[in-house]
Amino acid sequence: MELEFDIKMTAGILYDYLLHHTYYSASGLIGTGVGALMVVWFFAGGGEAFLLAGILILLYLPWTLFLKSRRQMINTPAFQQPLHYKLTEEGIEVSQGETVQAQAWGQMYRAVSTTKSIIVYTSRSNASIFPKCDLGEMAPQVIRMISSHMPPARVKIRW
């Protein structure tokens, strides 16, 4: 069985991926925890500096990720044209123009979903992003293909 589809990366899809990737990492969780604690300390009788610092910490990460997604869209030539994906029994193949790259299912790190995308990590920091809006009716087939070729413990896809 093979599935083929094209995706067009947008800044919104990239932002959604960056938010998920960051907030599910240790640094994202720690930063959010510290910011929330500072706000709680303010309400527990701490000075206004705690509230200001807490709000700044909580807003800093989403704002910088928003700016990063916009910059990456502008500066990454691969995002300017659609990417063609082919999911086969062997793995995932991505092509654009004459360039073709493939990775075997056994090399996939994990698969997750966000509200906007299905993400297949090819390493801890690299991923193939499949926007749900581009997959359309093919999304359930893509999820089945991923789920049948990756260990269940590594697949956290919700529809």
N, C-alpha and C. Protein backbone atom coordinates (compact mmCIF):
# COMPACT_ATOMS: atom_id res chain seq x y z
N MET A 1 0.84 -1.18 0.00
CA MET A 1 0.00 0.00 0.00
C MET A 1 0.88 1.24 0.00
N GLU A 2 0.54 2.20 -0.82
CA GLU A 2 1.25 3.47 -0.88
C GLU A 2 0.24 4.60 -0.77
N LEU A 3 0.65 5.65 -0.08
CA LEU A 3 -0.16 6.86 0.01
C LEU A 3 0.69 8.02 -0.48
N GLU A 4 0.13 8.85 -1.33
CA GLU A 4 0.85 10.02 -1.83
C GLU A 4 0.01 11.26 -1.64
N PHE A 5 0.67 12.34 -1.24
CA PHE A 5 -0.02 13.61 -1.05
C PHE A 5 0.98 14.75 -1.07
N ASP A 6 0.48 15.93 -1.32
CA ASP A 6 1.29 17.15 -1.31
C ASP A 6 0.90 17.99 -0.11
N ILE A 7 1.88 18.65 0.47
CA ILE A 7 1.59 19.59 1.55
C ILE A 7 2.26 20.92 1.24
N LYS A 8 1.62 21.97 1.66
CA LYS A 8 2.17 23.32 1.53
C LYS A 8 2.35 23.86 2.94
N MET A 9 3.59 24.07 3.32
CA MET A 9 3.88 24.58 4.66
C MET A 9 3.44 26.04 4.76
N THR A 10 2.85 26.37 5.90
CA THR A 10 2.48 27.75 6.18
C THR A 10 3.10 28.15 7.51
N ALA A 11 3.16 29.44 7.78
CA ALA A 11 3.70 29.92 9.04
C ALA A 11 2.85 29.43 10.21
N GLY A 12 1.54 29.34 10.03
CA GLY A 12 0.66 28.87 11.10
C GLY A 12 0.91 27.41 11.44
N ILE A 13 1.10 26.57 10.43
CA ILE A 13 1.39 25.15 10.67
C ILE A 13 2.75 25.01 11.35
N LEU A 14 3.72 25.77 10.89
CA LEU A 14 5.06 25.73 11.48
C LEU A 14 5.02 26.20 12.94
N TYR A 15 4.25 27.24 13.22
CA TYR A 15 4.09 27.76 14.59
C TYR A 15 3.46 26.68 15.48
N ASP A 16 2.44 26.01 14.99
CA ASP A 16 1.80 24.94 15.74
C ASP A 16 2.81 23.84 16.08
N TYR A 17 3.64 23.46 15.11
CA TYR A 17 4.68 22.46 15.34
C TYR A 17 5.69 22.95 16.39
N LEU A 18 6.16 24.18 16.25
CA LEU A 18 7.15 24.72 17.19
C LEU A 18 6.59 24.79 18.61
N LEU A 19 5.33 25.18 18.75
CA LEU A 19 4.71 25.22 20.08
C LEU A 19 4.69 23.82 20.69
N HIS A 20 4.22 22.85 19.93
CA HIS A 20 4.16 21.49 20.45
C HIS A 20 5.54 20.97 20.80
N HIS A 21 6.47 21.14 19.90
CA HIS A 21 7.83 20.64 20.11
C HIS A 21 8.46 21.27 21.35
N THR A 22 8.27 22.56 21.52
CA THR A 22 8.89 23.28 22.64
C THR A 22 8.22 22.96 23.97
N TYR A 23 6.90 23.01 24.00
CA TYR A 23 6.20 22.82 25.27
C TYR A 23 6.19 21.37 25.74
N TYR A 24 6.56 20.43 24.90
CA TYR A 24 6.68 19.05 25.33
C TYR A 24 8.14 18.68 25.60
N SER A 25 9.01 19.69 25.64
CA SER A 25 10.40 19.46 26.00
C SER A 25 10.62 19.91 27.44
N ALA A 26 11.71 19.48 28.03
CA ALA A 26 12.01 19.84 29.42
C ALA A 26 12.12 21.35 29.60
N SER A 27 12.81 22.03 28.69
CA SER A 27 12.99 23.47 28.85
C SER A 27 11.67 24.22 28.76
N GLY A 28 10.78 23.79 27.88
CA GLY A 28 9.48 24.43 27.76
C GLY A 28 8.63 24.24 29.01
N LEU A 29 8.65 23.03 29.54
CA LEU A 29 7.89 22.75 30.75
C LEU A 29 8.45 23.49 31.96
N ILE A 30 9.76 23.55 32.07
CA ILE A 30 10.39 24.26 33.19
C ILE A 30 10.09 25.75 33.10
N GLY A 31 10.24 26.34 31.92
CA GLY A 31 9.97 27.76 31.75
C GLY A 31 8.53 28.11 32.09
N THR A 32 7.60 27.29 31.65
CA THR A 32 6.20 27.53 31.95
C THR A 32 5.95 27.40 33.45
N GLY A 33 6.55 26.41 34.07
CA GLY A 33 6.39 26.22 35.50
C GLY A 33 6.94 27.39 36.31
N VAL A 34 8.11 27.89 35.94
CA VAL A 34 8.71 29.03 36.63
C VAL A 34 7.83 30.27 36.46
N GLY A 35 7.36 30.53 35.25
CA GLY A 35 6.49 31.67 35.01
C GLY A 35 5.21 31.58 35.81
N ALA A 36 4.60 30.40 35.84
CA ALA A 36 3.36 30.22 36.61
C ALA A 36 3.61 30.38 38.10
N LEU A 37 4.72 29.86 38.60
CA LEU A 37 5.04 30.03 40.02
C LEU A 37 5.21 31.49 40.40
N MET A 38 5.82 32.26 39.53
CA MET A 38 6.00 33.68 39.83
C MET A 38 4.65 34.41 39.91
N VAL A 39 3.74 34.06 39.04
CA VAL A 39 2.40 34.66 39.11
C VAL A 39 1.70 34.24 40.39
N VAL A 40 1.84 32.98 40.78
CA VAL A 40 1.23 32.49 42.03
C VAL A 40 1.84 33.21 43.22
N TRP A 41 3.17 33.41 43.21
CA TRP A 41 3.82 34.13 44.31
C TRP A 41 3.29 35.56 44.42
N PHE A 42 3.00 36.17 43.30
CA PHE A 42 2.42 37.52 43.34
C PHE A 42 1.09 37.49 44.09
N PHE A 43 0.23 36.54 43.76
CA PHE A 43 -1.08 36.45 44.40
C PHE A 43 -0.98 35.99 45.85
N ALA A 44 0.14 35.37 46.21
CA ALA A 44 0.35 34.93 47.59
C ALA A 44 0.97 36.05 48.44
N GLY A 45 1.08 37.22 47.88
CA GLY A 45 1.61 38.35 48.65
C GLY A 45 2.95 38.86 48.19
N GLY A 46 3.46 38.32 47.11
CA GLY A 46 4.74 38.80 46.58
C GLY A 46 4.58 40.15 45.92
N GLY A 47 5.65 40.78 45.59
CA GLY A 47 5.60 42.09 44.97
C GLY A 47 5.17 42.03 43.50
N GLU A 48 4.93 43.21 42.96
CA GLU A 48 4.52 43.31 41.56
C GLU A 48 5.59 42.80 40.60
N ALA A 49 6.83 42.80 41.05
CA ALA A 49 7.92 42.30 40.20
C ALA A 49 7.69 40.82 39.85
N PHE A 50 7.11 40.05 40.79
CA PHE A 50 6.83 38.64 40.50
C PHE A 50 5.79 38.51 39.39
N LEU A 51 4.76 39.35 39.45
CA LEU A 51 3.73 39.30 38.41
C LEU A 51 4.32 39.67 37.05
N LEU A 52 5.07 40.74 37.01
CA LEU A 52 5.68 41.19 35.76
C LEU A 52 6.62 40.13 35.20
N ALA A 53 7.48 39.60 36.06
CA ALA A 53 8.43 38.57 35.60
C ALA A 53 7.69 37.32 35.13
N GLY A 54 6.67 36.91 35.86
CA GLY A 54 5.90 35.73 35.48
C GLY A 54 5.23 35.89 34.14
N ILE A 55 4.60 37.05 33.92
CA ILE A 55 3.93 37.30 32.64
C ILE A 55 4.95 37.34 31.51
N LEU A 56 6.07 38.00 31.74
CA LEU A 56 7.11 38.06 30.70
C LEU A 56 7.62 36.67 30.34
N ILE A 57 7.84 35.84 31.34
CA ILE A 57 8.33 34.48 31.09
C ILE A 57 7.29 33.68 30.32
N LEU A 58 6.02 33.81 30.72
CA LEU A 58 4.96 33.04 30.07
C LEU A 58 4.70 33.50 28.63
N LEU A 59 4.90 34.78 28.34
CA LEU A 59 4.64 35.29 27.00
C LEU A 59 5.86 35.25 26.08
N TYR A 60 7.05 35.20 26.67
CA TYR A 60 8.28 35.24 25.88
C TYR A 60 8.37 34.09 24.88
N LEU A 61 8.15 32.88 25.35
CA LEU A 61 8.33 31.70 24.49
C LEU A 61 7.35 31.68 23.32
N PRO A 62 6.03 31.85 23.55
CA PRO A 62 5.13 31.84 22.39
C PRO A 62 5.44 32.97 21.40
N TRP A 63 5.81 34.14 21.91
CA TRP A 63 6.11 35.25 21.01
C TRP A 63 7.35 34.96 20.18
N THR A 64 8.41 34.45 20.80
CA THR A 64 9.64 34.17 20.03
C THR A 64 9.41 33.03 19.04
N LEU A 65 8.58 32.05 19.40
CA LEU A 65 8.28 30.97 18.47
C LEU A 65 7.44 31.49 17.29
N PHE A 66 6.56 32.42 17.56
CA PHE A 66 5.77 33.05 16.50
C PHE A 66 6.70 33.74 15.50
N LEU A 67 7.63 34.52 16.02
CA LEU A 67 8.59 35.22 15.16
C LEU A 67 9.49 34.23 14.41
N LYS A 68 9.91 33.16 15.10
CA LYS A 68 10.76 32.15 14.47
C LYS A 68 10.03 31.46 13.32
N SER A 69 8.74 31.16 13.50
CA SER A 69 7.99 30.49 12.43
C SER A 69 7.90 31.39 11.20
N ARG A 70 7.71 32.67 11.40
CA ARG A 70 7.64 33.61 10.27
C ARG A 70 9.00 33.71 9.56
N ARG A 71 10.07 33.79 10.36
CA ARG A 71 11.43 33.87 9.79
C ARG A 71 11.77 32.61 9.00
N GLN A 72 11.43 31.44 9.56
CA GLN A 72 11.74 30.18 8.87
C GLN A 72 10.97 30.07 7.56
N MET A 73 9.74 30.54 7.54
CA MET A 73 8.97 30.49 6.30
C MET A 73 9.64 31.33 5.21
N ILE A 74 10.15 32.47 5.59
CA ILE A 74 10.79 33.38 4.63
C ILE A 74 12.16 32.84 4.20
N ASN A 75 12.92 32.29 5.15
CA ASN A 75 14.31 31.93 4.89
C ASN A 75 14.54 30.48 4.46
N THR A 76 13.51 29.66 4.43
CA THR A 76 13.68 28.27 4.05
C THR A 76 13.11 28.04 2.66
N PRO A 77 13.98 27.89 1.67
CA PRO A 77 13.50 27.72 0.29
C PRO A 77 12.56 26.52 0.12
N ALA A 78 12.78 25.46 0.89
CA ALA A 78 11.94 24.26 0.75
C ALA A 78 10.48 24.53 1.12
N PHE A 79 10.23 25.54 1.93
CA PHE A 79 8.86 25.85 2.33
C PHE A 79 8.12 26.71 1.31
N GLN A 80 8.82 27.18 0.29
CA GLN A 80 8.20 28.06 -0.70
C GLN A 80 7.37 27.29 -1.72
N GLN A 81 7.67 26.01 -1.89
CA GLN A 81 6.96 25.16 -2.84
C GLN A 81 6.38 23.97 -2.10
N PRO A 82 5.32 23.36 -2.65
CA PRO A 82 4.75 22.17 -1.99
C PRO A 82 5.76 21.03 -1.91
N LEU A 83 5.62 20.23 -0.87
CA LEU A 83 6.43 19.02 -0.68
C LEU A 83 5.55 17.83 -1.04
N HIS A 84 6.11 16.87 -1.76
CA HIS A 84 5.37 15.66 -2.14
C HIS A 84 5.82 14.52 -1.23
N TYR A 85 4.87 13.91 -0.54
CA TYR A 85 5.18 12.79 0.34
C TYR A 85 4.61 11.50 -0.23
N LYS A 86 5.38 10.43 -0.02
CA LYS A 86 4.92 9.09 -0.38
C LYS A 86 5.20 8.20 0.82
N LEU A 87 4.15 7.62 1.38
CA LEU A 87 4.27 6.67 2.47
C LEU A 87 4.15 5.28 1.88
N THR A 88 5.19 4.49 2.06
CA THR A 88 5.24 3.13 1.51
C THR A 88 5.43 2.13 2.64
N GLU A 89 5.49 0.87 2.28
CA GLU A 89 5.75 -0.18 3.27
C GLU A 89 7.15 -0.04 3.86
N GLU A 90 8.06 0.59 3.13
CA GLU A 90 9.44 0.74 3.59
C GLU A 90 9.63 1.97 4.47
N GLY A 91 8.92 3.05 4.20
CA GLY A 91 9.12 4.27 4.97
C GLY A 91 8.44 5.48 4.35
N ILE A 92 9.00 6.65 4.66
CA ILE A 92 8.46 7.91 4.16
C ILE A 92 9.46 8.51 3.18
N GLU A 93 8.96 8.90 2.04
CA GLU A 93 9.77 9.54 1.01
C GLU A 93 9.21 10.94 0.79
N VAL A 94 10.09 11.92 0.79
CA VAL A 94 9.68 13.30 0.53
C VAL A 94 10.46 13.80 -0.67
N SER A 95 9.76 14.48 -1.56
CA SER A 95 10.44 15.01 -2.74
C SER A 95 9.94 16.41 -3.04
N GLN A 96 10.83 17.13 -3.70
CA GLN A 96 10.52 18.48 -4.16
C GLN A 96 11.41 18.73 -5.36
N GLY A 97 10.79 18.88 -6.50
CA GLY A 97 11.58 19.01 -7.73
C GLY A 97 12.37 17.74 -7.96
N GLU A 98 13.67 17.88 -8.15
CA GLU A 98 14.54 16.73 -8.41
C GLU A 98 15.09 16.10 -7.13
N THR A 99 14.88 16.74 -5.98
CA THR A 99 15.43 16.25 -4.72
C THR A 99 14.48 15.26 -4.08
N VAL A 100 15.02 14.10 -3.70
CA VAL A 100 14.23 13.05 -3.05
C VAL A 100 15.00 12.56 -1.83
N GLN A 101 14.29 12.46 -0.70
CA GLN A 101 14.88 11.91 0.52
C GLN A 101 13.93 10.86 1.06
N ALA A 102 14.48 9.79 1.62
CA ALA A 102 13.66 8.73 2.18
C ALA A 102 14.21 8.31 3.53
N GLN A 103 13.30 7.86 4.38
CA GLN A 103 13.69 7.36 5.69
C GLN A 103 12.82 6.15 6.01
N ALA A 104 13.47 5.10 6.50
CA ALA A 104 12.77 3.85 6.81
C ALA A 104 11.93 4.01 8.08
N TRP A 105 10.85 3.25 8.16
CA TRP A 105 9.98 3.31 9.34
C TRP A 105 10.75 3.00 10.61
N GLY A 106 11.69 2.09 10.55
CA GLY A 106 12.46 1.73 11.73
C GLY A 106 13.32 2.85 12.28
N GLN A 107 13.56 3.87 11.47
CA GLN A 107 14.36 5.00 11.91
C GLN A 107 13.51 6.15 12.47
N MET A 108 12.19 6.00 12.41
CA MET A 108 11.31 7.06 12.92
C MET A 108 11.35 7.07 14.44
N TYR A 109 11.39 8.26 15.00
CA TYR A 109 11.54 8.43 16.43
C TYR A 109 10.19 8.31 17.15
N ARG A 110 9.18 9.06 16.70
CA ARG A 110 7.83 8.99 17.26
C ARG A 110 6.87 9.73 16.36
N ALA A 111 5.58 9.55 16.59
CA ALA A 111 4.55 10.24 15.83
C ALA A 111 3.53 10.81 16.81
N VAL A 112 3.16 12.06 16.60
CA VAL A 112 2.20 12.75 17.47
C VAL A 112 1.24 13.56 16.61
N SER A 113 0.22 14.09 17.25
CA SER A 113 -0.68 14.97 16.53
C SER A 113 -0.90 16.23 17.35
N THR A 114 -1.21 17.30 16.65
CA THR A 114 -1.63 18.55 17.26
C THR A 114 -3.00 18.86 16.68
N THR A 115 -3.54 19.99 17.02
CA THR A 115 -4.84 20.35 16.46
C THR A 115 -4.76 20.56 14.95
N LYS A 116 -3.58 20.93 14.44
CA LYS A 116 -3.44 21.25 13.03
C LYS A 116 -2.67 20.22 12.21
N SER A 117 -1.91 19.34 12.85
CA SER A 117 -1.00 18.49 12.09
C SER A 117 -0.81 17.11 12.68
N ILE A 118 -0.31 16.23 11.83
CA ILE A 118 0.24 14.95 12.26
C ILE A 118 1.75 15.11 12.05
N ILE A 119 2.51 14.79 13.09
CA ILE A 119 3.95 15.02 13.06
C ILE A 119 4.66 13.69 13.25
N VAL A 120 5.54 13.36 12.31
CA VAL A 120 6.36 12.15 12.43
C VAL A 120 7.80 12.62 12.62
N TYR A 121 8.31 12.40 13.83
CA TYR A 121 9.68 12.80 14.15
C TYR A 121 10.65 11.80 13.55
N THR A 122 11.61 12.31 12.80
CA THR A 122 12.65 11.47 12.22
C THR A 122 13.88 11.45 13.13
N SER A 123 13.91 12.35 14.11
CA SER A 123 14.93 12.39 15.16
C SER A 123 14.31 13.20 16.30
N ARG A 124 15.07 13.47 17.32
CA ARG A 124 14.52 14.26 18.44
C ARG A 124 14.14 15.68 18.01
N SER A 125 14.79 16.21 16.99
CA SER A 125 14.54 17.61 16.63
C SER A 125 14.07 17.82 15.20
N ASN A 126 14.00 16.78 14.39
CA ASN A 126 13.55 16.90 13.00
C ASN A 126 12.27 16.11 12.79
N ALA A 127 11.43 16.64 11.91
CA ALA A 127 10.14 15.96 11.73
C ALA A 127 9.58 16.22 10.34
N SER A 128 8.70 15.31 9.94
CA SER A 128 7.85 15.51 8.77
C SER A 128 6.51 15.97 9.32
N ILE A 129 6.03 17.09 8.81
CA ILE A 129 4.79 17.68 9.31
C ILE A 129 3.73 17.53 8.23
N PHE A 130 2.64 16.86 8.58
CA PHE A 130 1.54 16.66 7.65
C PHE A 130 0.33 17.48 8.12
N PRO A 131 0.11 18.66 7.56
CA PRO A 131 -1.04 19.47 7.97
C PRO A 131 -2.35 18.72 7.68
N LYS A 132 -3.23 18.67 8.66
CA LYS A 132 -4.50 17.97 8.50
C LYS A 132 -5.32 18.57 7.36
N CYS A 133 -5.22 19.89 7.18
CA CYS A 133 -5.99 20.52 6.11
C CYS A 133 -5.53 20.05 4.73
N ASP A 134 -4.26 19.70 4.57
CA ASP A 134 -3.75 19.19 3.30
C ASP A 134 -4.07 17.71 3.10
N LEU A 135 -4.20 16.97 4.20
CA LEU A 135 -4.48 15.54 4.10
C LEU A 135 -5.94 15.28 3.74
N GLY A 136 -6.82 16.12 4.25
CA GLY A 136 -8.24 15.96 3.97
C GLY A 136 -8.76 14.59 4.34
N GLU A 137 -9.47 13.94 3.40
CA GLU A 137 -10.06 12.63 3.64
C GLU A 137 -9.02 11.51 3.75
N MET A 138 -7.80 11.80 3.37
CA MET A 138 -6.73 10.80 3.41
C MET A 138 -6.16 10.64 4.82
N ALA A 139 -6.48 11.55 5.74
CA ALA A 139 -5.90 11.53 7.08
C ALA A 139 -6.06 10.19 7.80
N PRO A 140 -7.25 9.58 7.83
CA PRO A 140 -7.35 8.29 8.53
C PRO A 140 -6.43 7.22 7.93
N GLN A 141 -6.24 7.23 6.62
CA GLN A 141 -5.33 6.26 5.98
C GLN A 141 -3.89 6.53 6.39
N VAL A 142 -3.52 7.81 6.47
CA VAL A 142 -2.16 8.18 6.88
C VAL A 142 -1.92 7.72 8.32
N ILE A 143 -2.90 7.95 9.19
CA ILE A 143 -2.77 7.53 10.58
C ILE A 143 -2.64 6.01 10.68
N ARG A 144 -3.44 5.27 9.92
CA ARG A 144 -3.34 3.81 9.92
C ARG A 144 -1.97 3.35 9.43
N MET A 145 -1.47 3.99 8.40
CA MET A 145 -0.15 3.62 7.85
C MET A 145 0.94 3.85 8.89
N ILE A 146 0.92 5.00 9.53
CA ILE A 146 1.92 5.31 10.56
C ILE A 146 1.79 4.31 11.71
N SER A 147 0.57 4.10 12.18
CA SER A 147 0.34 3.22 13.33
C SER A 147 0.72 1.78 13.05
N SER A 148 0.58 1.34 11.81
CA SER A 148 0.90 -0.06 11.50
C SER A 148 2.40 -0.28 11.26
N HIS A 149 3.17 0.80 11.12
CA HIS A 149 4.61 0.64 10.85
C HIS A 149 5.51 1.14 11.98
N MET A 150 4.92 1.70 13.02
CA MET A 150 5.71 2.17 14.16
C MET A 150 5.22 1.47 15.42
N PRO A 151 6.10 1.26 16.39
CA PRO A 151 5.67 0.63 17.65
C PRO A 151 4.58 1.48 18.32
N PRO A 152 3.55 0.84 18.86
CA PRO A 152 2.44 1.58 19.48
C PRO A 152 2.87 2.59 20.55
N ALA A 153 3.92 2.27 21.30
CA ALA A 153 4.39 3.18 22.35
C ALA A 153 4.94 4.49 21.78
N ARG A 154 5.27 4.50 20.51
CA ARG A 154 5.84 5.71 19.89
C ARG A 154 4.81 6.50 19.10
N VAL A 155 3.58 6.06 19.08
CA VAL A 155 2.54 6.74 18.31
C VAL A 155 1.52 7.34 19.26
N LYS A 156 1.42 8.66 19.28
CA LYS A 156 0.47 9.38 20.13
C LYS A 156 -0.35 10.31 19.23
N ILE A 157 -1.16 9.70 18.39
CA ILE A 157 -1.96 10.47 17.45
C ILE A 157 -3.42 10.41 17.88
N ARG A 158 -4.02 11.60 18.04
CA ARG A 158 -5.44 11.71 18.35
C ARG A 158 -6.10 12.42 17.19
N TRP A 159 -7.27 12.00 16.86
CA TRP A 159 -7.97 12.65 15.75
C TRP A 159 -9.07 13.51 16.22
